[in-house]
C-alpha atoms as a PDB file:
ATOM      1  CA  UNK A   1      78.033 160.194 136.996  1.00  0.00           C
ATOM      2  CA  UNK A   2      78.865 156.882 138.615  1.00  0.00           C
ATOM      3  CA  UNK A   3      76.066 154.393 139.146  1.00  0.00           C
ATOM      4  CA  UNK A   4      74.929 154.176 142.777  1.00  0.00           C
ATOM      5  CA  UNK A   5      75.300 151.020 144.825  1.00  0.00           C
ATOM      6  CA  UNK A   6      71.551 151.024 145.511  1.00  0.00           C
ATOM      7  CA  UNK A   7      68.477 152.451 143.832  1.00  0.00           C
ATOM      8  CA  UNK A   8      65.400 152.700 146.038  1.00  0.00           C
ATOM      9  CA  UNK A   9      62.091 152.941 144.191  1.00  0.00           C
ATOM     10  CA  UNK A  10      59.645 154.933 146.283  1.00  0.00           C
ATOM     11  CA  UNK A  11      60.177 158.039 148.429  1.00  0.00           C
ATOM     12  CA  UNK A  12      57.626 157.210 151.100  1.00  0.00           C
ATOM     13  CA  UNK A  13      58.445 156.438 154.708  1.00  0.00           C
ATOM     14  CA  UNK A  14      59.560 152.870 153.974  1.00  0.00           C
ATOM     15  CA  UNK A  15      61.696 153.728 150.975  1.00  0.00           C
ATOM     16  CA  UNK A  16      63.444 156.636 152.683  1.00  0.00           C
ATOM     17  CA  UNK A  17      64.040 154.620 155.842  1.00  0.00           C
ATOM     18  CA  UNK A  18      65.665 151.873 153.783  1.00  0.00           C
ATOM     19  CA  UNK A  19      67.702 154.454 151.881  1.00  0.00           C
ATOM     20  CA  UNK A  20      69.007 156.061 155.077  1.00  0.00           C
ATOM     21  CA  UNK A  21      69.947 152.652 156.472  1.00  0.00           C
ATOM     22  CA  UNK A  22      71.823 151.832 153.272  1.00  0.00           C
ATOM     23  CA  UNK A  23      73.805 155.085 153.390  1.00  0.00           C
ATOM     24  CA  UNK A  24      74.613 154.381 157.052  1.00  0.00           C
ATOM     25  CA  UNK A  25      76.069 151.074 155.875  1.00  0.00           C
ATOM     26  CA  UNK A  26      78.483 152.892 153.579  1.00  0.00           C
ATOM     27  CA  UNK A  27      76.559 152.546 150.305  1.00  0.00           C
ATOM     28  CA  UNK A  28      75.782 155.225 147.731  1.00  0.00           C
ATOM     29  CA  UNK A  29      72.013 155.506 147.241  1.00  0.00           C
ATOM     30  CA  UNK A  30      69.602 157.129 144.798  1.00  0.00           C
ATOM     31  CA  UNK A  31      65.868 157.260 145.521  1.00  0.00           C
ATOM     32  CA  UNK A  32      63.440 157.425 142.600  1.00  0.00           C
ATOM     33  CA  UNK A  33      59.808 158.510 142.934  1.00  0.00           C
ATOM     34  CA  UNK A  34      57.356 159.635 140.297  1.00  0.00           C
ATOM     35  CA  UNK A  35      56.201 162.617 142.405  1.00  0.00           C
ATOM     36  CA  UNK A  36      58.844 163.097 145.078  1.00  0.00           C
ATOM     37  CA  UNK A  37      58.973 162.494 148.842  1.00  0.00           C
ATOM     38  CA  UNK A  38      55.753 161.955 150.816  1.00  0.00           C
ATOM     39  CA  UNK A  39      53.518 162.294 147.778  1.00  0.00           C
ATOM     40  CA  UNK A  40      51.568 159.055 148.203  1.00  0.00           C
ATOM     41  CA  UNK A  41      50.195 157.177 151.199  1.00  0.00           C
ATOM     42  CA  UNK A  42      52.917 158.613 153.457  1.00  0.00           C
ATOM     43  CA  UNK A  43      51.403 162.066 153.024  1.00  0.00           C
ATOM     44  CA  UNK A  44      48.294 161.344 155.065  1.00  0.00           C
ATOM     45  CA  UNK A  45      47.685 158.295 157.210  1.00  0.00           C
ATOM     46  CA  UNK A  46      47.265 157.367 160.860  1.00  0.00           C
ATOM     47  CA  UNK A  47      50.981 157.857 161.474  1.00  0.00           C
ATOM     48  CA  UNK A  48      51.036 154.808 163.725  1.00  0.00           C
ATOM     49  CA  UNK A  49      53.839 152.608 164.938  1.00  0.00           C
ATOM     50  CA  UNK A  50      51.274 149.985 165.839  1.00  0.00           C
ATOM     51  CA  UNK A  51      53.585 147.538 167.582  1.00  0.00           C
ATOM     52  CA  UNK A  52      50.677 145.940 169.435  1.00  0.00           C
ATOM     53  CA  UNK A  53      48.783 145.110 166.227  1.00  0.00           C
ATOM     54  CA  UNK A  54      50.244 141.658 165.694  1.00  0.00           C
ATOM     55  CA  UNK A  55      47.099 139.922 164.433  1.00  0.00           C
ATOM     56  CA  UNK A  56      46.922 139.481 160.634  1.00  0.00           C
ATOM     57  CA  UNK A  57      43.994 140.919 158.733  1.00  0.00           C
ATOM     58  CA  UNK A  58      43.364 137.489 157.242  1.00  0.00           C
ATOM     59  CA  UNK A  59      41.539 135.673 160.047  1.00  0.00           C
ATOM     60  CA  UNK A  60      38.359 133.627 160.549  1.00  0.00           C
ATOM     61  CA  UNK A  61      36.666 136.618 162.204  1.00  0.00           C
ATOM     62  CA  UNK A  62      37.100 138.728 159.079  1.00  0.00           C
ATOM     63  CA  UNK A  63      35.512 136.015 156.939  1.00  0.00           C
ATOM     64  CA  UNK A  64      32.429 136.085 159.149  1.00  0.00           C
ATOM     65  CA  UNK A  65      32.103 139.862 158.994  1.00  0.00           C
ATOM     66  CA  UNK A  66      32.891 140.379 155.296  1.00  0.00           C
ATOM     67  CA  UNK A  67      29.450 139.470 153.840  1.00  0.00           C
ATOM     68  CA  UNK A  68      27.700 141.924 156.174  1.00  0.00           C
ATOM     69  CA  UNK A  69      30.218 144.645 155.370  1.00  0.00           C
ATOM     70  CA  UNK A  70      29.699 144.172 151.632  1.00  0.00           C
ATOM     71  CA  UNK A  71      25.948 144.670 152.030  1.00  0.00           C
ATOM     72  CA  UNK A  72      26.389 147.816 154.124  1.00  0.00           C
ATOM     73  CA  UNK A  73      26.814 150.983 151.975  1.00  0.00           C
ATOM     74  CA  UNK A  74      28.689 152.578 154.887  1.00  0.00           C
ATOM     75  CA  UNK A  75      30.677 149.463 155.776  1.00  0.00           C
ATOM     76  CA  UNK A  76      34.495 149.286 155.780  1.00  0.00           C
ATOM     77  CA  UNK A  77      34.711 146.845 152.852  1.00  0.00           C
ATOM     78  CA  UNK A  78      33.848 147.704 149.263  1.00  0.00           C
ATOM     79  CA  UNK A  79      34.563 145.669 146.133  1.00  0.00           C
ATOM     80  CA  UNK A  80      33.245 147.258 142.914  1.00  0.00           C
ATOM     81  CA  UNK A  81      31.294 144.625 140.931  1.00  0.00           C
ATOM     82  CA  UNK A  82      33.429 145.147 137.836  1.00  0.00           C
ATOM     83  CA  UNK A  83      36.537 144.425 139.912  1.00  0.00           C
ATOM     84  CA  UNK A  84      35.193 141.348 141.719  1.00  0.00           C
ATOM     85  CA  UNK A  85      36.266 138.869 139.027  1.00  0.00           C
ATOM     86  CA  UNK A  86      39.739 140.343 138.794  1.00  0.00           C
ATOM     87  CA  UNK A  87      40.210 140.161 142.559  1.00  0.00           C
ATOM     88  CA  UNK A  88      38.882 136.587 142.830  1.00  0.00           C
ATOM     89  CA  UNK A  89      42.349 134.897 142.845  1.00  0.00           C
ATOM     90  CA  UNK A  90      43.488 137.278 145.579  1.00  0.00           C
ATOM     91  CA  UNK A  91      40.340 136.572 147.618  1.00  0.00           C
ATOM     92  CA  UNK A  92      40.993 132.836 147.317  1.00  0.00           C
ATOM     93  CA  UNK A  93      44.502 133.308 148.706  1.00  0.00           C
ATOM     94  CA  UNK A  94      43.075 135.492 151.465  1.00  0.00           C
ATOM     95  CA  UNK A  95      40.578 132.754 152.351  1.00  0.00           C
ATOM     96  CA  UNK A  96      43.388 130.177 152.563  1.00  0.00           C
ATOM     97  CA  UNK A  97      45.373 132.521 154.811  1.00  0.00           C
ATOM     98  CA  UNK A  98      42.426 132.591 157.239  1.00  0.00           C
ATOM     99  CA  UNK A  99      42.914 128.939 158.207  1.00  0.00           C
ATOM    100  CA  UNK A 100      43.904 128.601 161.909  1.00  0.00           C
ATOM    101  CA  UNK A 101      47.358 127.155 161.243  1.00  0.00           C
ATOM    102  CA  UNK A 102      48.260 129.907 158.830  1.00  0.00           C
ATOM    103  CA  UNK A 103      46.890 132.579 161.152  1.00  0.00           C
ATOM    104  CA  UNK A 104      49.126 131.297 163.965  1.00  0.00           C
ATOM    105  CA  UNK A 105      52.151 131.333 161.645  1.00  0.00           C
ATOM    106  CA  UNK A 106      51.324 134.851 160.391  1.00  0.00           C
ATOM    107  CA  UNK A 107      50.860 136.118 163.944  1.00  0.00           C
ATOM    108  CA  UNK A 108      54.277 134.800 164.984  1.00  0.00           C
ATOM    109  CA  UNK A 109      55.903 136.346 161.910  1.00  0.00           C
ATOM    110  CA  UNK A 110      54.183 139.700 162.413  1.00  0.00           C
ATOM    111  CA  UNK A 111      55.158 139.721 166.100  1.00  0.00           C
ATOM    112  CA  UNK A 112      58.812 139.214 165.140  1.00  0.00           C
ATOM    113  CA  UNK A 113      58.611 142.102 162.668  1.00  0.00           C
ATOM    114  CA  UNK A 114      56.991 144.359 165.260  1.00  0.00           C
ATOM    115  CA  UNK A 115      59.586 143.465 167.909  1.00  0.00           C
ATOM    116  CA  UNK A 116      62.413 144.287 165.521  1.00  0.00           C
ATOM    117  CA  UNK A 117      60.769 147.537 164.433  1.00  0.00           C
ATOM    118  CA  UNK A 118      60.220 148.659 168.019  1.00  0.00           C
ATOM    119  CA  UNK A 119      63.833 147.921 168.956  1.00  0.00           C
ATOM    120  CA  UNK A 120      65.138 149.904 165.972  1.00  0.00           C
ATOM    121  CA  UNK A 121      62.716 152.848 166.056  1.00  0.00           C
ATOM    122  CA  UNK A 122      64.058 155.202 168.691  1.00  0.00           C
ATOM    123  CA  UNK A 123      67.743 154.846 167.730  1.00  0.00           C
ATOM    124  CA  UNK A 124      66.689 155.615 164.145  1.00  0.00           C
ATOM    125  CA  UNK A 125      64.651 158.657 165.198  1.00  0.00           C
ATOM    126  CA  UNK A 126      67.594 159.916 167.214  1.00  0.00           C
ATOM    127  CA  UNK A 127      69.988 159.511 164.319  1.00  0.00           C
ATOM    128  CA  UNK A 128      67.677 161.325 161.892  1.00  0.00           C
ATOM    129  CA  UNK A 129      66.738 164.175 164.256  1.00  0.00           C
ATOM    130  CA  UNK A 130      63.068 163.225 164.275  1.00  0.00           C
ATOM    131  CA  UNK A 131      62.732 161.983 167.875  1.00  0.00           C
ATOM    132  CA  UNK A 132      60.649 165.029 168.978  1.00  0.00           C
ATOM    133  CA  UNK A 133      57.895 163.886 166.601  1.00  0.00           C
ATOM    134  CA  UNK A 134      57.315 160.616 168.468  1.00  0.00           C
ATOM    135  CA  UNK A 135      54.230 160.296 170.664  1.00  0.00           C
ATOM    136  CA  UNK A 136      53.829 157.536 173.243  1.00  0.00           C
ATOM    137  CA  UNK A 137      50.170 158.047 174.077  1.00  0.00           C
ATOM    138  CA  UNK A 138      48.982 154.484 173.511  1.00  0.00           C
ATOM    139  CA  UNK A 139      45.822 153.344 171.771  1.00  0.00           C
ATOM    140  CA  UNK A 140      42.271 152.944 173.038  1.00  0.00           C
ATOM    141  CA  UNK A 141      40.166 150.299 171.306  1.00  0.00           C
ATOM    142  CA  UNK A 142      36.499 150.883 172.178  1.00  0.00           C
ATOM    143  CA  UNK A 143      33.507 148.535 172.020  1.00  0.00           C
ATOM    144  CA  UNK A 144      29.793 149.150 171.796  1.00  0.00           C
ATOM    145  CA  UNK A 145      28.440 146.733 174.365  1.00  0.00           C
ATOM    146  CA  UNK A 146      29.339 143.502 176.165  1.00  0.00           C
ATOM    147  CA  UNK A 147      28.920 141.237 173.137  1.00  0.00           C
ATOM    148  CA  UNK A 148      31.344 143.220 170.967  1.00  0.00           C
ATOM    149  CA  UNK A 149      33.888 143.295 173.778  1.00  0.00           C
ATOM    150  CA  UNK A 150      33.661 139.543 174.415  1.00  0.00           C
ATOM    151  CA  UNK A 151      34.107 138.857 170.705  1.00  0.00           C
ATOM    152  CA  UNK A 152      37.493 140.599 170.901  1.00  0.00           C
ATOM    153  CA  UNK A 153      38.870 138.545 173.804  1.00  0.00           C
ATOM    154  CA  UNK A 154      40.360 135.769 171.668  1.00  0.00           C
ATOM    155  CA  UNK A 155      42.485 138.357 169.915  1.00  0.00           C
ATOM    156  CA  UNK A 156      43.648 139.830 173.204  1.00  0.00           C
ATOM    157  CA  UNK A 157      44.592 136.364 174.451  1.00  0.00           C
ATOM    158  CA  UNK A 158      46.757 135.940 171.360  1.00  0.00           C
ATOM    159  CA  UNK A 159      48.440 139.252 172.136  1.00  0.00           C
ATOM    160  CA  UNK A 160      48.985 138.192 175.741  1.00  0.00           C
ATOM    161  CA  UNK A 161      50.598 134.975 174.520  1.00  0.00           C
ATOM    162  CA  UNK A 162      53.077 137.113 172.581  1.00  0.00           C
ATOM    163  CA  UNK A 163      53.856 139.450 175.478  1.00  0.00           C
ATOM    164  CA  UNK A 164      51.756 142.447 174.434  1.00  0.00           C
ATOM    165  CA  UNK A 165      50.838 144.706 177.371  1.00  0.00           C
ATOM    166  CA  UNK A 166      47.219 145.873 177.630  1.00  0.00           C
ATOM    167  CA  UNK A 167      44.423 146.448 180.114  1.00  0.00           C
ATOM    168  CA  UNK A 168      40.656 146.177 179.743  1.00  0.00           C
ATOM    169  CA  UNK A 169      38.521 149.104 180.902  1.00  0.00           C
ATOM    170  CA  UNK A 170      34.932 149.741 181.891  1.00  0.00           C
ATOM    171  CA  UNK A 171      33.116 153.038 181.301  1.00  0.00           C
ATOM    172  CA  UNK A 172      34.815 154.695 184.271  1.00  0.00           C
ATOM    173  CA  UNK A 173      38.240 153.594 183.076  1.00  0.00           C
ATOM    174  CA  UNK A 174      37.508 154.908 179.595  1.00  0.00           C
ATOM    175  CA  UNK A 175      36.587 158.329 181.004  1.00  0.00           C
ATOM    176  CA  UNK A 176      39.927 158.575 182.809  1.00  0.00           C
ATOM    177  CA  UNK A 177      41.870 158.139 179.568  1.00  0.00           C
ATOM    178  CA  UNK A 178      39.507 159.801 177.087  1.00  0.00           C
ATOM    179  CA  UNK A 179      36.729 161.890 178.653  1.00  0.00           C
ATOM    180  CA  UNK A 180      33.682 162.766 176.571  1.00  0.00           C
ATOM    181  CA  UNK A 181      33.193 159.591 174.546  1.00  0.00           C
ATOM    182  CA  UNK A 182      29.609 158.589 173.842  1.00  0.00           C
ATOM    183  CA  UNK A 183      27.914 156.395 176.455  1.00  0.00           C
ATOM    184  CA  UNK A 184      27.428 153.610 173.906  1.00  0.00           C
ATOM    185  CA  UNK A 185      31.121 152.747 174.293  1.00  0.00           C
ATOM    186  CA  UNK A 186      30.821 150.561 177.380  1.00  0.00           C
ATOM    187  CA  UNK A 187      34.121 148.680 177.186  1.00  0.00           C
ATOM    188  CA  UNK A 188      37.622 149.394 175.911  1.00  0.00           C
ATOM    189  CA  UNK A 189      41.146 148.050 175.870  1.00  0.00           C
ATOM    190  CA  UNK A 190      44.195 150.287 176.257  1.00  0.00           C
ATOM    191  CA  UNK A 191      47.574 149.355 174.772  1.00  0.00           C
ATOM    192  CA  UNK A 192      50.381 151.638 176.023  1.00  0.00           C
ATOM    193  CA  UNK A 193      52.917 150.227 173.538  1.00  0.00           C
ATOM    194  CA  UNK A 194      51.124 151.708 170.528  1.00  0.00           C
ATOM    195  CA  UNK A 195      53.114 154.771 169.357  1.00  0.00           C
ATOM    196  CA  UNK A 196      52.408 157.422 166.747  1.00  0.00           C
ATOM    197  CA  UNK A 197      54.119 160.235 164.888  1.00  0.00           C
ATOM    198  CA  UNK A 198      52.946 163.839 165.126  1.00  0.00           C
ATOM    199  CA  UNK A 199      52.518 164.350 161.370  1.00  0.00           C
ATOM    200  CA  UNK A 200      53.344 161.549 158.890  1.00  0.00           C
ATOM    201  CA  UNK A 201      53.932 163.914 155.974  1.00  0.00           C
ATOM    202  CA  UNK A 202      56.279 166.205 157.910  1.00  0.00           C
ATOM    203  CA  UNK A 203      58.060 163.138 159.287  1.00  0.00           C
ATOM    204  CA  UNK A 204      58.620 161.703 155.810  1.00  0.00           C
ATOM    205  CA  UNK A 205      59.813 165.066 154.477  1.00  0.00           C
ATOM    206  CA  UNK A 206      62.216 165.302 157.419  1.00  0.00           C
ATOM    207  CA  UNK A 207      63.605 161.883 156.501  1.00  0.00           C
ATOM    208  CA  UNK A 208      64.082 163.112 152.923  1.00  0.00           C
ATOM    209  CA  UNK A 209      65.993 166.159 154.164  1.00  0.00           C
ATOM    210  CA  UNK A 210      68.206 164.006 156.375  1.00  0.00           C
ATOM    211  CA  UNK A 211      68.841 161.574 153.531  1.00  0.00           C
ATOM    212  CA  UNK A 212      70.074 164.429 151.340  1.00  0.00           C
ATOM    213  CA  UNK A 213      72.329 165.807 154.074  1.00  0.00           C
ATOM    214  CA  UNK A 214      74.134 162.463 154.432  1.00  0.00           C
ATOM    215  CA  UNK A 215      74.807 162.257 150.706  1.00  0.00           C
ATOM    216  CA  UNK A 216      71.695 160.623 149.286  1.00  0.00           C
ATOM    217  CA  UNK A 217      70.158 161.644 145.972  1.00  0.00           C
ATOM    218  CA  UNK A 218      66.414 161.921 145.252  1.00  0.00           C
ATOM    219  CA  UNK A 219      65.178 162.109 141.655  1.00  0.00           C
ATOM    220  CA  UNK A 220      61.710 162.259 140.145  1.00  0.00           C
ATOM    221  CA  UNK A 221      61.105 159.364 137.789  1.00  0.00           C
ATOM    222  CA  UNK A 222      58.272 156.950 137.108  1.00  0.00           C
ATOM    223  CA  UNK A 223      59.842 153.506 137.084  1.00  0.00           C
ATOM    224  CA  UNK A 224      58.255 151.213 134.511  1.00  0.00           C
ATOM    225  CA  UNK A 225      60.471 148.124 134.536  1.00  0.00           C
ATOM    226  CA  UNK A 226      63.451 146.347 136.058  1.00  0.00           C
ATOM    227  CA  UNK A 227      65.932 144.293 134.063  1.00  0.00           C
ATOM    228  CA  UNK A 228      68.687 142.056 135.432  1.00  0.00           C
ATOM    229  CA  UNK A 229      72.080 142.876 133.912  1.00  0.00           C
ATOM    230  CA  UNK A 230      75.662 141.872 134.571  1.00  0.00           C
ATOM    231  CA  UNK A 231      76.646 143.236 137.959  1.00  0.00           C
ATOM    232  CA  UNK A 232      73.218 144.444 139.000  1.00  0.00           C
ATOM    233  CA  UNK A 233      69.890 145.801 137.805  1.00  0.00           C
ATOM    234  CA  UNK A 234      68.831 148.188 135.065  1.00  0.00           C
ATOM    235  CA  UNK A 235      65.949 150.502 136.018  1.00  0.00           C
ATOM    236  CA  UNK A 236      63.815 151.814 133.158  1.00  0.00           C
ATOM    237  CA  UNK A 237      61.641 154.904 133.585  1.00  0.00           C
ATOM    238  CA  UNK A 238      58.763 156.434 131.626  1.00  0.00           C
ATOM    239  CA  UNK A 239      60.969 159.183 130.198  1.00  0.00           C
ATOM    240  CA  UNK A 240      63.137 156.568 128.473  1.00  0.00           C
ATOM    241  CA  UNK A 241      66.087 156.930 130.804  1.00  0.00           C
ATOM    242  CA  UNK A 242      67.956 153.830 131.970  1.00  0.00           C
ATOM    243  CA  UNK A 243      69.746 153.750 135.308  1.00  0.00           C
ATOM    244  CA  UNK A 244      71.885 151.001 136.805  1.00  0.00           C
ATOM    245  CA  UNK A 245      72.699 149.913 140.330  1.00  0.00           C
ATOM    246  CA  UNK A 246      74.149 146.858 142.016  1.00  0.00           C
ATOM    247  CA  UNK A 247      70.927 146.453 144.019  1.00  0.00           C
ATOM    248  CA  UNK A 248      67.368 147.751 143.920  1.00  0.00           C
ATOM    249  CA  UNK A 249      64.906 148.167 146.787  1.00  0.00           C
ATOM    250  CA  UNK A 250      61.293 148.155 145.590  1.00  0.00           C
ATOM    251  CA  UNK A 251      59.118 150.146 147.999  1.00  0.00           C
ATOM    252  CA  UNK A 252      56.526 151.740 145.743  1.00  0.00           C
ATOM    253  CA  UNK A 253      53.530 150.911 147.909  1.00  0.00           C
ATOM    254  CA  UNK A 254      50.403 149.923 146.008  1.00  0.00           C
ATOM    255  CA  UNK A 255      52.312 150.125 142.713  1.00  0.00           C
ATOM    256  CA  UNK A 256      55.072 147.702 143.685  1.00  0.00           C
ATOM    257  CA  UNK A 257      53.452 144.676 142.072  1.00  0.00           C
ATOM    258  CA  UNK A 258      53.357 146.420 138.681  1.00  0.00           C
ATOM    259  CA  UNK A 259      57.105 146.949 138.713  1.00  0.00           C
ATOM    260  CA  UNK A 260      57.795 143.461 140.095  1.00  0.00           C
ATOM    261  CA  UNK A 261      55.743 141.967 137.268  1.00  0.00           C
ATOM    262  CA  UNK A 262      58.412 143.107 134.790  1.00  0.00           C
ATOM    263  CA  UNK A 263      60.766 140.599 136.465  1.00  0.00           C
ATOM    264  CA  UNK A 264      58.219 137.827 136.195  1.00  0.00           C
ATOM    265  CA  UNK A 265      57.335 138.122 139.886  1.00  0.00           C
ATOM    266  CA  UNK A 266      53.617 137.953 140.674  1.00  0.00           C
ATOM    267  CA  UNK A 267      52.959 139.616 144.037  1.00  0.00           C
ATOM    268  CA  UNK A 268      49.380 139.171 145.354  1.00  0.00           C
ATOM    269  CA  UNK A 269      49.050 142.828 146.359  1.00  0.00           C
ATOM    270  CA  UNK A 270      45.761 144.689 146.723  1.00  0.00           C
ATOM    271  CA  UNK A 271      45.016 148.191 147.991  1.00  0.00           C
ATOM    272  CA  UNK A 272      43.463 149.293 151.275  1.00  0.00           C
ATOM    273  CA  UNK A 273      42.152 152.853 151.502  1.00  0.00           C
ATOM    274  CA  UNK A 274      44.589 154.012 148.842  1.00  0.00           C
ATOM    275  CA  UNK A 275      47.607 152.116 150.227  1.00  0.00           C
END
């Protein structure tokens, strides 16, 4: 069997989207995944096309909140003590990324990515037969009290500077969009440009089906290493098999840095809620 032009490592939503785009460009493509399509983070997540979320996670506000979160057993941030030393270099890089100049640069870069993604989304959904899964219901960000709402305004100004549409709401406005919320939510902001998908797992499986129908191949394999060779890349898997392709797309989610390390590339990647 002839070697494909491209091997994509990872059969999640990103890997399959890249694979479909490559086939559309006239390339032969094989997707490798240790468990098959939609078996990892793509199987169950918020299913959001969060085009309005242009602010990077690394920001001065996060640095202020992190100590309190770490002390709260029910808080959104947990770092196991045994892992703290290992994560220290990553935390240092995160701290550096929170400097105002870097935040501005990251925001501009993320806005450009979001703009491109939004422009490409609906044509892609139409081509893959998944357009009926798209929901354009927007997103409602709620706040418990005046102080929490005012603390968010700097972020909304940054979004306004980048052309993001939104509107602030009082309790009456909240009730019009989402009746029945608790009275403690006194303020909210609605972003109509925040889209979602009906079911992320079914969407990813639909992409896998479409990929196969246009000639793509999906195989189960746990990739352990990449090796540059004449004319391309050799892909080694846990079962001892060696595959070759002219190009490789690495989209293995939280495991990507392990594979990249075999090329001498150190990617500062950490997980978030299993991602």
